[in-house]
Amino acid sequence: MDIAGLSIAMNGGKVKQQASLALMKMAMNKGKENAQAMTEMIEKSVNPNIGQNLDVRG
């Protein structure tokens, strides 16, 4: 294999790695956004009065 071919092959691998890392970063950011949204929904849905009293009939 000549130097030019080796250079092209190495750059191709580098491009694939960069694309893979960019995709991974996008997925991580989306996961972080989803976690923040879920946390906000949970905080808004919490009612402090629920579960304080238990009515038992026998």
PDB file of N, CA and C in Angstrom:
ATOM      1  N   MET A   1       0.859  -1.176   0.000  1.00  0.00           N
ATOM      2  CA  MET A   1       0.000   0.000   0.000  1.00  0.00           C
ATOM      3  C   MET A   1       0.900   1.232   0.000  1.00  0.00           C
ATOM      4  N   ASP A   2       0.581   2.169  -0.819  1.00  0.00           N
ATOM      5  CA  ASP A   2       1.399   3.379  -0.892  1.00  0.00           C
ATOM      6  C   ASP A   2       0.989   4.375   0.207  1.00  0.00           C
ATOM      7  N   ILE A   3       1.757   5.415   0.344  1.00  0.00           N
ATOM      8  CA  ILE A   3       1.528   6.408   1.401  1.00  0.00           C
ATOM      9  C   ILE A   3       0.207   7.145   1.188  1.00  0.00           C
ATOM     10  N   ALA A   4      -0.122   7.447  -0.059  1.00  0.00           N
ATOM     11  CA  ALA A   4      -1.379   8.151  -0.341  1.00  0.00           C
ATOM     12  C   ALA A   4      -2.575   7.294   0.055  1.00  0.00           C
ATOM     13  N   GLY A   5      -2.526   6.025  -0.287  1.00  0.00           N
ATOM     14  CA  GLY A   5      -3.621   5.117   0.076  1.00  0.00           C
ATOM     15  C   GLY A   5      -3.748   4.965   1.575  1.00  0.00           C
ATOM     16  N   LEU A   6      -2.616   4.866   2.250  1.00  0.00           N
ATOM     17  CA  LEU A   6      -2.624   4.757   3.705  1.00  0.00           C
ATOM     18  C   LEU A   6      -3.201   6.019   4.331  1.00  0.00           C
ATOM     19  N   SER A   7      -2.845   7.160   3.798  1.00  0.00           N
ATOM     20  CA  SER A   7      -3.354   8.440   4.301  1.00  0.00           C
ATOM     21  C   SER A   7      -4.866   8.531   4.134  1.00  0.00           C
ATOM     22  N   ILE A   8      -5.354   8.115   2.971  1.00  0.00           N
ATOM     23  CA  ILE A   8      -6.801   8.144   2.718  1.00  0.00           C
ATOM     24  C   ILE A   8      -7.527   7.203   3.678  1.00  0.00           C
ATOM     25  N   ALA A   9      -6.979   6.019   3.878  1.00  0.00           N
ATOM     26  CA  ALA A   9      -7.598   5.048   4.781  1.00  0.00           C
ATOM     27  C   ALA A   9      -7.627   5.570   6.211  1.00  0.00           C
ATOM     28  N   MET A  10      -6.541   6.184   6.649  1.00  0.00           N
ATOM     29  CA  MET A  10      -6.484   6.709   8.020  1.00  0.00           C
ATOM     30  C   MET A  10      -7.463   7.867   8.200  1.00  0.00           C
ATOM     31  N   ASN A  11      -7.557   8.741   7.195  1.00  0.00           N
ATOM     32  CA  ASN A  11      -8.492   9.860   7.282  1.00  0.00           C
ATOM     33  C   ASN A  11      -9.937   9.385   7.266  1.00  0.00           C
ATOM     34  N   GLY A  12     -10.210   8.336   6.499  1.00  0.00           N
ATOM     35  CA  GLY A  12     -11.554   7.759   6.480  1.00  0.00           C
ATOM     36  C   GLY A  12     -11.947   7.251   7.851  1.00  0.00           C
ATOM     37  N   GLY A  13     -11.019   6.603   8.516  1.00  0.00           N
ATOM     38  CA  GLY A  13     -11.286   6.119   9.874  1.00  0.00           C
ATOM     39  C   GLY A  13     -11.489   7.261  10.842  1.00  0.00           C
ATOM     40  N   LYS A  14     -10.737   8.323  10.662  1.00  0.00           N
ATOM     41  CA  LYS A  14     -10.865   9.487  11.535  1.00  0.00           C
ATOM     42  C   LYS A  14     -12.227  10.152  11.356  1.00  0.00           C
ATOM     43  N   VAL A  15     -12.683  10.230  10.103  1.00  0.00           N
ATOM     44  CA  VAL A  15     -13.996  10.831   9.821  1.00  0.00           C
ATOM     45  C   VAL A  15     -15.100   9.997  10.457  1.00  0.00           C
ATOM     46  N   LYS A  16     -14.999   8.672  10.347  1.00  0.00           N
ATOM     47  CA  LYS A  16     -15.999   7.801  10.960  1.00  0.00           C
ATOM     48  C   LYS A  16     -16.031   7.981  12.475  1.00  0.00           C
ATOM     49  N   GLN A  17     -14.858   8.103  13.079  1.00  0.00           N
ATOM     50  CA  GLN A  17     -14.778   8.284  14.526  1.00  0.00           C
ATOM     51  C   GLN A  17     -15.392   9.622  14.939  1.00  0.00           C
ATOM     52  N   GLN A  18     -15.107  10.676  14.180  1.00  0.00           N
ATOM     53  CA  GLN A  18     -15.665  11.986  14.493  1.00  0.00           C
ATOM     54  C   GLN A  18     -17.180  11.984  14.352  1.00  0.00           C
ATOM     55  N   ALA A  19     -17.685  11.324  13.330  1.00  0.00           N
ATOM     56  CA  ALA A  19     -19.133  11.232  13.141  1.00  0.00           C
ATOM     57  C   ALA A  19     -19.771  10.454  14.282  1.00  0.00           C
ATOM     58  N   SER A  20     -19.121   9.387  14.699  1.00  0.00           N
ATOM     59  CA  SER A  20     -19.632   8.578  15.804  1.00  0.00           C
ATOM     60  C   SER A  20     -19.670   9.382  17.104  1.00  0.00           C
ATOM     61  N   LEU A  21     -18.616  10.150  17.357  1.00  0.00           N
ATOM     62  CA  LEU A  21     -18.585  10.979  18.563  1.00  0.00           C
ATOM     63  C   LEU A  21     -19.649  12.069  18.517  1.00  0.00           C
ATOM     64  N   ALA A  22     -19.854  12.664  17.361  1.00  0.00           N
ATOM     65  CA  ALA A  22     -20.882  13.699  17.229  1.00  0.00           C
ATOM     66  C   ALA A  22     -22.263  13.120  17.490  1.00  0.00           C
ATOM     67  N   LEU A  23     -22.517  11.927  16.979  1.00  0.00           N
ATOM     68  CA  LEU A  23     -23.798  11.266  17.198  1.00  0.00           C
ATOM     69  C   LEU A  23     -23.984  10.936  18.675  1.00  0.00           C
ATOM     70  N   MET A  24     -22.916  10.472  19.322  1.00  0.00           N
ATOM     71  CA  MET A  24     -22.979  10.145  20.744  1.00  0.00           C
ATOM     72  C   MET A  24     -23.266  11.392  21.580  1.00  0.00           C
ATOM     73  N   LYS A  25     -22.642  12.515  21.232  1.00  0.00           N
ATOM     74  CA  LYS A  25     -22.887  13.766  21.949  1.00  0.00           C
ATOM     75  C   LYS A  25     -24.331  14.209  21.798  1.00  0.00           C
ATOM     76  N   MET A  26     -24.873  14.054  20.581  1.00  0.00           N
ATOM     77  CA  MET A  26     -26.270  14.417  20.355  1.00  0.00           C
ATOM     78  C   MET A  26     -27.194  13.554  21.207  1.00  0.00           C
ATOM     79  N   ALA A  27     -26.921  12.269  21.268  1.00  0.00           N
ATOM     80  CA  ALA A  27     -27.740  11.359  22.067  1.00  0.00           C
ATOM     81  C   ALA A  27     -27.636  11.692  23.555  1.00  0.00           C
ATOM     82  N   MET A  28     -26.448  12.019  24.014  1.00  0.00           N
ATOM     83  CA  MET A  28     -26.269  12.366  25.421  1.00  0.00           C
ATOM     84  C   MET A  28     -27.006  13.657  25.764  1.00  0.00           C
ATOM     85  N   ASN A  29     -26.935  14.640  24.870  1.00  0.00           N
ATOM     86  CA  ASN A  29     -27.641  15.896  25.107  1.00  0.00           C
ATOM     87  C   ASN A  29     -29.151  15.684  25.134  1.00  0.00           C
ATOM     88  N   LYS A  30     -29.650  14.853  24.239  1.00  0.00           N
ATOM     89  CA  LYS A  30     -31.090  14.559  24.208  1.00  0.00           C
ATOM     90  C   LYS A  30     -31.505  13.838  25.480  1.00  0.00           C
ATOM     91  N   GLY A  31     -30.679  12.918  25.946  1.00  0.00           N
ATOM     92  CA  GLY A  31     -30.968  12.215  27.193  1.00  0.00           C
ATOM     93  C   GLY A  31     -30.989  13.169  28.373  1.00  0.00           C
ATOM     94  N   LYS A  32     -30.072  14.120  28.377  1.00  0.00           N
ATOM     95  CA  LYS A  32     -30.029  15.106  29.455  1.00  0.00           C
ATOM     96  C   LYS A  32     -31.279  15.986  29.432  1.00  0.00           C
ATOM     97  N   GLU A  33     -31.693  16.398  28.226  1.00  0.00           N
ATOM     98  CA  GLU A  33     -32.903  17.208  28.091  1.00  0.00           C
ATOM     99  C   GLU A  33     -34.124  16.438  28.578  1.00  0.00           C
ATOM    100  N   ASN A  34     -34.215  15.157  28.210  1.00  0.00           N
ATOM    101  CA  ASN A  34     -35.342  14.336  28.643  1.00  0.00           C
ATOM    102  C   ASN A  34     -35.359  14.183  30.163  1.00  0.00           C
ATOM    103  N   ALA A  35     -34.196  14.008  30.757  1.00  0.00           N
ATOM    104  CA  ALA A  35     -34.120  13.860  32.209  1.00  0.00           C
ATOM    105  C   ALA A  35     -34.551  15.147  32.909  1.00  0.00           C
ATOM    106  N   GLN A  36     -34.137  16.291  32.375  1.00  0.00           N
ATOM    107  CA  GLN A  36     -34.534  17.564  32.964  1.00  0.00           C
ATOM    108  C   GLN A  36     -36.041  17.773  32.844  1.00  0.00           C
ATOM    109  N   ALA A  37     -36.598  17.448  31.695  1.00  0.00           N
ATOM    110  CA  ALA A  37     -38.041  17.597  31.493  1.00  0.00           C
ATOM    111  C   ALA A  37     -38.815  16.684  32.434  1.00  0.00           C
ATOM    112  N   MET A  38     -38.326  15.462  32.603  1.00  0.00           N
ATOM    113  CA  MET A  38     -39.001  14.522  33.491  1.00  0.00           C
ATOM    114  C   MET A  38     -38.930  15.000  34.940  1.00  0.00           C
ATOM    115  N   THR A  39     -37.779  15.532  35.332  1.00  0.00           N
ATOM    116  CA  THR A  39     -37.625  16.051  36.683  1.00  0.00           C
ATOM    117  C   THR A  39     -38.580  17.217  36.924  1.00  0.00           C
ATOM    118  N   GLU A  40     -38.716  18.094  35.948  1.00  0.00           N
ATOM    119  CA  GLU A  40     -39.637  19.220  36.071  1.00  0.00           C
ATOM    120  C   GLU A  40     -41.079  18.733  36.183  1.00  0.00           C
ATOM    121  N   MET A  41     -41.445  17.738  35.384  1.00  0.00           N
ATOM    122  CA  MET A  41     -42.806  17.213  35.454  1.00  0.00           C
ATOM    123  C   MET A  41     -43.083  16.600  36.821  1.00  0.00           C
ATOM    124  N   ILE A  42     -42.119  15.874  37.353  1.00  0.00           N
ATOM    125  CA  ILE A  42     -42.294  15.252  38.665  1.00  0.00           C
ATOM    126  C   ILE A  42     -42.436  16.313  39.746  1.00  0.00           C
ATOM    127  N   GLU A  43     -41.615  17.359  39.674  1.00  0.00           N
ATOM    128  CA  GLU A  43     -41.683  18.422  40.673  1.00  0.00           C
ATOM    129  C   GLU A  43     -43.030  19.143  40.620  1.00  0.00           C
ATOM    130  N   LYS A  44     -43.568  19.344  39.434  1.00  0.00           N
ATOM    131  CA  LYS A  44     -44.853  20.040  39.290  1.00  0.00           C
ATOM    132  C   LYS A  44     -46.020  19.162  39.710  1.00  0.00           C
ATOM    133  N   SER A  45     -45.881  17.857  39.588  1.00  0.00           N
ATOM    134  CA  SER A  45     -47.002  16.965  39.868  1.00  0.00           C
ATOM    135  C   SER A  45     -47.085  16.550  41.334  1.00  0.00           C
ATOM    136  N   VAL A  46     -46.096  16.904  42.114  1.00  0.00           N
ATOM    137  CA  VAL A  46     -46.087  16.475  43.512  1.00  0.00           C
ATOM    138  C   VAL A  46     -47.092  17.300  44.297  1.00  0.00           C
ATOM    139  N   ASN A  47     -47.984  16.608  44.990  1.00  0.00           N
ATOM    140  CA  ASN A  47     -48.955  17.245  45.870  1.00  0.00           C
ATOM    141  C   ASN A  47     -48.580  16.847  47.295  1.00  0.00           C
ATOM    142  N   PRO A  48     -48.147  17.783  48.117  1.00  0.00           N
ATOM    143  CA  PRO A  48     -47.676  17.426  49.460  1.00  0.00           C
ATOM    144  C   PRO A  48     -48.764  16.874  50.371  1.00  0.00           C
ATOM    145  N   ASN A  49     -50.044  17.063  50.019  1.00  0.00           N
ATOM    146  CA  ASN A  49     -51.136  16.580  50.877  1.00  0.00           C
ATOM    147  C   ASN A  49     -51.500  15.125  50.611  1.00  0.00           C
ATOM    148  N   ILE A  50     -51.032  14.586  49.517  1.00  0.00           N
ATOM    149  CA  ILE A  50     -51.365  13.191  49.196  1.00  0.00           C
ATOM    150  C   ILE A  50     -50.557  12.252  50.065  1.00  0.00           C
ATOM    151  N   GLY A  51     -51.237  11.272  50.631  1.00  0.00           N
ATOM    152  CA  GLY A  51     -50.561  10.252  51.406  1.00  0.00           C
ATOM    153  C   GLY A  51     -50.357  10.572  52.868  1.00  0.00           C
ATOM    154  N   GLN A  52     -50.867  11.712  53.322  1.00  0.00           N
ATOM    155  CA  GLN A  52     -50.692  12.063  54.737  1.00  0.00           C
ATOM    156  C   GLN A  52     -51.715  11.353  55.610  1.00  0.00           C
ATOM    157  N   ASN A  53     -52.892  11.091  55.088  1.00  0.00           N
ATOM    158  CA  ASN A  53     -53.944  10.436  55.865  1.00  0.00           C
ATOM    159  C   ASN A  53     -54.311   9.116  55.220  1.00  0.00           C
ATOM    160  N   LEU A  54     -54.654   8.162  56.051  1.00  0.00           N
ATOM    161  CA  LEU A  54     -55.063   6.849  55.563  1.00  0.00           C
ATOM    162  C   LEU A  54     -56.375   6.516  56.225  1.00  0.00           C
ATOM    163  N   ASP A  55     -57.428   6.385  55.411  1.00  0.00           N
ATOM    164  CA  ASP A  55     -58.749   6.025  55.926  1.00  0.00           C
ATOM    165  C   ASP A  55     -58.892   4.506  55.829  1.00  0.00           C
ATOM    166  N   VAL A  56     -59.124   3.880  56.966  1.00  0.00           N
ATOM    167  CA  VAL A  56     -59.292   2.433  56.990  1.00  0.00           C
ATOM    168  C   VAL A  56     -60.665   2.120  57.532  1.00  0.00           C
ATOM    169  N   ARG A  57     -61.423   1.334  56.775  1.00  0.00           N
ATOM    170  CA  ARG A  57     -62.748   0.901  57.229  1.00  0.00           C
ATOM    171  C   ARG A  57     -62.725  -0.605  57.364  1.00  0.00           C
ATOM    172  N   GLY A  58     -63.295  -1.064  58.451  1.00  0.00           N
ATOM    173  CA  GLY A  58     -63.242  -2.499  58.688  1.00  0.00           C
ATOM    174  C   GLY A  58     -64.543  -3.172  58.779  1.00  0.00           C
TER     175      GLY A  58
END
